[in-house]
Amino acid sequence: ARWWRLAADQGHAGAQACLGESYARGRGVPPDYSAAARWFRLAAEQGLADAQSCLGESYTHGLGVPQDPSEAARWFRLAAEQGQAVAQVNMGKLLLVGETVMGCELPAAPGEAAQFLAQA
């Protein structure tokens, strides 16, 4: 985690995503979902699809960020549009049934869900 931190601090998106994964899984650092989400966001904002998918997972399950299906869908969609298969499946699942968590609503869109699932 030390070398990833050095590169991540210099803005390297891949290192930021790896550091986020380290914090999410407690590999080389104590587990810390808030830190994981921060590092995933930095990499995701640079367009790294894997980090966008991980950030979507964070919002889906409320790990280090408030649970928010709309925000999860935003990040899954960005990753899915780059061909990230896990994000395509997750986006499809969210859209298949829709979801409401604490007033945050993502309406069902079965037709669009089928498109994402077919791409995966």
Foldseek 3Di string as FASTA:
>chain_A
DVVLVVVVVVQDLVSLQVVLVCLCVVPPHRNAQLSSLVSLVSSVVVQDLVSLQVNLVCLCVVRSHDNANVSSLVSLVSSLVVPPLSSLQVNLVCQCCWDADPRHTDHHDNVVSVVSNVSD
